[in-house]
Amino acid sequence: MAKITLDDIEYDTEDFSDEQNNMLAEIQFNASVQRQSEYYLNSLKIVSAEVIRRLKETLVETSEDENKEDA
């Protein structure tokens, strides 16, 4: 099996008990969910920034149109 390092100590997972293998699987699953959640959060931030940019753009256009009508 694989080797893992915890606190600078290398362990061979081949020597793990069933309980230790289950804990390792939970740690790996947790890390995967964290990476996926970070990806989703970053994607949402990008979409939000783009929608804000587009809103600002339309507000500037609306303001410019109103100024032309007042002139």
Protein backbone atom coordinates (compact mmCIF):
# COMPACT_ATOMS: atom_id res chain seq x y z
CA MET A 1 0.00 0.00 0.00
CA ALA A 2 0.90 3.64 0.20
CA LYS A 3 2.92 5.56 2.70
CA ILE A 4 1.60 8.67 4.40
CA THR A 5 3.34 11.31 6.44
CA LEU A 6 1.84 12.77 9.62
CA ASP A 7 3.82 15.29 11.66
CA ASP A 8 6.98 14.47 9.70
CA ILE A 9 6.66 10.75 10.48
CA GLU A 10 6.15 8.34 7.60
CA TYR A 11 3.73 5.45 8.06
CA ASP A 12 3.12 2.46 5.80
CA THR A 13 -0.63 2.09 5.41
CA GLU A 14 -0.14 -1.62 4.80
CA ASP A 15 0.36 -1.93 8.57
CA PHE A 16 -2.87 -0.05 9.41
CA SER A 17 -5.70 -1.70 11.26
CA ASP A 18 -9.22 -1.59 9.81
CA GLU A 19 -10.04 1.29 12.14
CA GLN A 20 -6.94 3.23 11.01
CA ASN A 21 -7.79 2.59 7.34
CA ASN A 22 -11.31 3.88 7.98
CA MET A 23 -9.93 7.03 9.60
CA LEU A 24 -7.54 7.53 6.67
CA ALA A 25 -10.41 7.12 4.22
CA GLU A 26 -12.41 9.72 6.16
CA ILE A 27 -9.46 12.14 6.09
CA GLN A 28 -9.07 11.65 2.33
CA PHE A 29 -12.80 12.09 1.74
CA ASN A 30 -12.82 15.22 3.89
CA ALA A 31 -9.88 16.67 1.95
CA SER A 32 -11.68 15.96 -1.31
CA VAL A 33 -14.86 17.70 -0.13
CA GLN A 34 -12.79 20.68 1.04
CA ARG A 35 -11.12 21.02 -2.37
CA GLN A 36 -14.49 20.72 -4.10
CA SER A 37 -16.04 23.31 -1.77
CA GLU A 38 -13.15 25.71 -2.37
CA TYR A 39 -13.66 25.28 -6.13
CA TYR A 40 -17.39 26.02 -5.78
CA LEU A 41 -16.71 29.05 -3.59
CA ASN A 42 -14.14 30.44 -6.03
CA SER A 43 -16.53 29.87 -8.92
CA LEU A 44 -19.32 31.68 -7.07
CA LYS A 45 -17.01 34.61 -6.33
CA ILE A 46 -16.10 34.87 -10.03
CA VAL A 47 -19.75 34.78 -11.10
CA SER A 48 -20.67 37.34 -8.45
CA ALA A 49 -17.90 39.70 -9.57
CA GLU A 50 -19.05 39.39 -13.18
CA VAL A 51 -22.69 40.12 -12.32
CA ILE A 52 -21.62 43.13 -10.25
CA ARG A 53 -19.51 44.36 -13.19
CA ARG A 54 -22.46 43.98 -15.55
CA LEU A 55 -24.80 45.75 -13.13
CA LYS A 56 -22.39 48.67 -12.81
CA GLU A 57 -22.13 48.82 -16.59
CA THR A 58 -25.91 49.06 -16.97
CA LEU A 59 -26.11 51.69 -14.24
CA VAL A 60 -23.56 53.83 -16.04
CA GLU A 61 -25.50 53.43 -19.31
CA THR A 62 -28.77 54.34 -17.57
CA SER A 63 -27.15 57.38 -15.98
CA GLU A 64 -25.73 58.48 -19.34
CA ASP A 65 -29.13 58.04 -21.03
CA GLU A 66 -30.83 60.11 -18.32
CA ASN A 67 -28.23 62.88 -18.72
CA LYS A 68 -28.88 62.99 -22.48
CA GLU A 69 -32.63 63.30 -21.91
CA ASP A 70 -32.14 66.16 -19.42
CA ALA A 71 -29.97 68.12 -21.85
